[in-house]
Amino acid sequence: MTRTTNLTPKEERIELRVNLEQKSIIEKAASINGLSVSSYMLSQALKSARTDIENSEIIKLTNKDRDLFLKSIENKIMPNKALKNALKRGY
């Protein structure tokens, strides 16, 4: 369980509506972790948000793609006519 300590005052709010079943599940999970519902939801939302941001910023390649990329760097492959035209158009 990751706890985030932040000494700056909390001035922003995020609100959401849930049904009774969703609320019960969240309350139970918060209780299991010894957290208030707000602390639990914030910790889970931050963990998920950080994962989403990390996943959007990392390029994952297969071994084949990695080898092709490294080969293209090492062999200084010259761009073909289609690529040159695309670069001229701003792509």
C-alpha atoms as a PDB file:
ATOM      1  CA  MET A   1       0.000   0.000   0.000  1.00  0.00           C
ATOM      2  CA  THR A   2       1.461   3.351  -1.063  1.00  0.00           C
ATOM      3  CA  ARG A   3       0.692   6.350   1.069  1.00  0.00           C
ATOM      4  CA  THR A   4       1.287   9.809  -0.298  1.00  0.00           C
ATOM      5  CA  THR A   5       2.195  12.490   2.221  1.00  0.00           C
ATOM      6  CA  ASN A   6       1.634  16.003   1.006  1.00  0.00           C
ATOM      7  CA  LEU A   7       1.811  18.901   3.436  1.00  0.00           C
ATOM      8  CA  THR A   8       0.260  21.451   1.085  1.00  0.00           C
ATOM      9  CA  PRO A   9      -3.383  22.186   1.810  1.00  0.00           C
ATOM     10  CA  LYS A  10      -5.937  20.348  -0.298  1.00  0.00           C
ATOM     11  CA  GLU A  11      -8.090  22.928  -2.001  1.00  0.00           C
ATOM     12  CA  GLU A  12      -9.357  21.085  -5.082  1.00  0.00           C
ATOM     13  CA  ARG A  13     -12.297  18.674  -5.164  1.00  0.00           C
ATOM     14  CA  ILE A  14     -13.287  15.782  -7.381  1.00  0.00           C
ATOM     15  CA  GLU A  15     -16.787  14.406  -7.021  1.00  0.00           C
ATOM     16  CA  LEU A  16     -18.464  11.382  -8.535  1.00  0.00           C
ATOM     17  CA  ARG A  17     -21.733   9.555  -8.207  1.00  0.00           C
ATOM     18  CA  VAL A  18     -21.870   5.829  -7.582  1.00  0.00           C
ATOM     19  CA  ASN A  19     -24.608   3.311  -6.990  1.00  0.00           C
ATOM     20  CA  LEU A  20     -25.054   1.527  -3.652  1.00  0.00           C
ATOM     21  CA  GLU A  21     -23.153  -1.606  -4.727  1.00  0.00           C
ATOM     22  CA  GLN A  22     -20.165   0.406  -5.977  1.00  0.00           C
ATOM     23  CA  LYS A  23     -20.085   2.436  -2.761  1.00  0.00           C
ATOM     24  CA  SER A  24     -20.196  -0.716  -0.621  1.00  0.00           C
ATOM     25  CA  ILE A  25     -17.312  -2.284  -2.540  1.00  0.00           C
ATOM     26  CA  ILE A  26     -15.187   0.864  -2.210  1.00  0.00           C
ATOM     27  CA  GLU A  27     -15.978   1.196   1.500  1.00  0.00           C
ATOM     28  CA  LYS A  28     -15.038  -2.440   2.122  1.00  0.00           C
ATOM     29  CA  ALA A  29     -11.741  -2.099   0.230  1.00  0.00           C
ATOM     30  CA  ALA A  30     -10.920   1.114   2.106  1.00  0.00           C
ATOM     31  CA  SER A  31     -11.653  -0.581   5.410  1.00  0.00           C
ATOM     32  CA  ILE A  32      -9.480  -3.597   4.532  1.00  0.00           C
ATOM     33  CA  ASN A  33      -6.598  -1.201   3.855  1.00  0.00           C
ATOM     34  CA  GLY A  34      -7.221   0.851   6.993  1.00  0.00           C
ATOM     35  CA  LEU A  35      -8.008   3.998   5.024  1.00  0.00           C
ATOM     36  CA  SER A  36     -10.866   6.417   4.798  1.00  0.00           C
ATOM     37  CA  VAL A  37     -12.908   6.180   1.616  1.00  0.00           C
ATOM     38  CA  SER A  38     -11.404   9.470   0.401  1.00  0.00           C
ATOM     39  CA  SER A  39      -7.821   8.369   1.102  1.00  0.00           C
ATOM     40  CA  TYR A  40      -8.416   4.990  -0.512  1.00  0.00           C
ATOM     41  CA  MET A  41      -9.988   6.458  -3.640  1.00  0.00           C
ATOM     42  CA  LEU A  42      -7.239   9.057  -3.972  1.00  0.00           C
ATOM     43  CA  SER A  43      -4.456   6.472  -3.596  1.00  0.00           C
ATOM     44  CA  GLN A  44      -6.050   4.138  -6.144  1.00  0.00           C
ATOM     45  CA  ALA A  45      -6.804   6.929  -8.615  1.00  0.00           C
ATOM     46  CA  LEU A  46      -3.230   8.261  -8.368  1.00  0.00           C
ATOM     47  CA  LYS A  47      -1.765   4.783  -8.834  1.00  0.00           C
ATOM     48  CA  SER A  48      -3.924   4.195 -11.899  1.00  0.00           C
ATOM     49  CA  ALA A  49      -3.207   7.663 -13.310  1.00  0.00           C
ATOM     50  CA  ARG A  50       0.563   7.204 -12.920  1.00  0.00           C
ATOM     51  CA  THR A  51       0.356   3.829 -14.670  1.00  0.00           C
ATOM     52  CA  ASP A  52      -1.684   5.298 -17.532  1.00  0.00           C
ATOM     53  CA  ILE A  53       0.776   8.180 -17.938  1.00  0.00           C
ATOM     54  CA  GLU A  54       3.775   5.836 -17.841  1.00  0.00           C
ATOM     55  CA  ASN A  55       2.188   3.513 -20.402  1.00  0.00           C
ATOM     56  CA  SER A  56       1.509   6.420 -22.742  1.00  0.00           C
ATOM     57  CA  GLU A  57       5.114   7.643 -22.534  1.00  0.00           C
ATOM     58  CA  ILE A  58       6.912   4.330 -23.046  1.00  0.00           C
ATOM     59  CA  ILE A  59       7.391   2.719 -26.429  1.00  0.00           C
ATOM     60  CA  LYS A  60       7.290  -1.053 -26.150  1.00  0.00           C
ATOM     61  CA  LEU A  61       8.874  -3.038 -28.944  1.00  0.00           C
ATOM     62  CA  THR A  62       8.904  -6.718 -29.735  1.00  0.00           C
ATOM     63  CA  ASN A  63      12.345  -8.282 -30.104  1.00  0.00           C
ATOM     64  CA  LYS A  64      11.871  -8.216 -33.874  1.00  0.00           C
ATOM     65  CA  ASP A  65      10.942  -4.511 -33.857  1.00  0.00           C
ATOM     66  CA  ARG A  66      13.868  -3.694 -31.560  1.00  0.00           C
ATOM     67  CA  ASP A  67      16.307  -5.509 -33.855  1.00  0.00           C
ATOM     68  CA  LEU A  68      14.896  -3.743 -36.918  1.00  0.00           C
ATOM     69  CA  PHE A  69      15.180  -0.367 -35.189  1.00  0.00           C
ATOM     70  CA  LEU A  70      18.780  -0.983 -34.124  1.00  0.00           C
ATOM     71  CA  LYS A  71      19.663  -2.244 -37.596  1.00  0.00           C
ATOM     72  CA  SER A  72      18.235   0.909 -39.182  1.00  0.00           C
ATOM     73  CA  ILE A  73      20.342   3.086 -36.892  1.00  0.00           C
ATOM     74  CA  GLU A  74      23.520   1.100 -37.456  1.00  0.00           C
ATOM     75  CA  ASN A  75      23.167   0.835 -41.241  1.00  0.00           C
ATOM     76  CA  LYS A  76      22.102   4.419 -41.917  1.00  0.00           C
ATOM     77  CA  ILE A  77      19.284   3.432 -44.235  1.00  0.00           C
ATOM     78  CA  MET A  78      18.517   6.278 -46.605  1.00  0.00           C
ATOM     79  CA  PRO A  79      14.893   7.470 -46.798  1.00  0.00           C
ATOM     80  CA  ASN A  80      12.965   6.466 -49.909  1.00  0.00           C
ATOM     81  CA  LYS A  81      11.055   8.893 -52.139  1.00  0.00           C
ATOM     82  CA  ALA A  82       7.751   8.380 -50.274  1.00  0.00           C
ATOM     83  CA  LEU A  83       9.359   9.247 -46.936  1.00  0.00           C
ATOM     84  CA  LYS A  84      11.069  12.313 -48.391  1.00  0.00           C
ATOM     85  CA  ASN A  85       7.730  13.507 -49.802  1.00  0.00           C
ATOM     86  CA  ALA A  86       6.014  12.922 -46.470  1.00  0.00           C
ATOM     87  CA  LEU A  87       8.676  14.958 -44.697  1.00  0.00           C
ATOM     88  CA  LYS A  88       8.183  17.798 -47.180  1.00  0.00           C
ATOM     89  CA  ARG A  89       4.436  17.778 -46.389  1.00  0.00           C
ATOM     90  CA  GLY A  90       5.162  18.017 -42.674  1.00  0.00           C
ATOM     91  CA  TYR A  91       4.294  14.495 -41.525  1.00  0.00           C
END
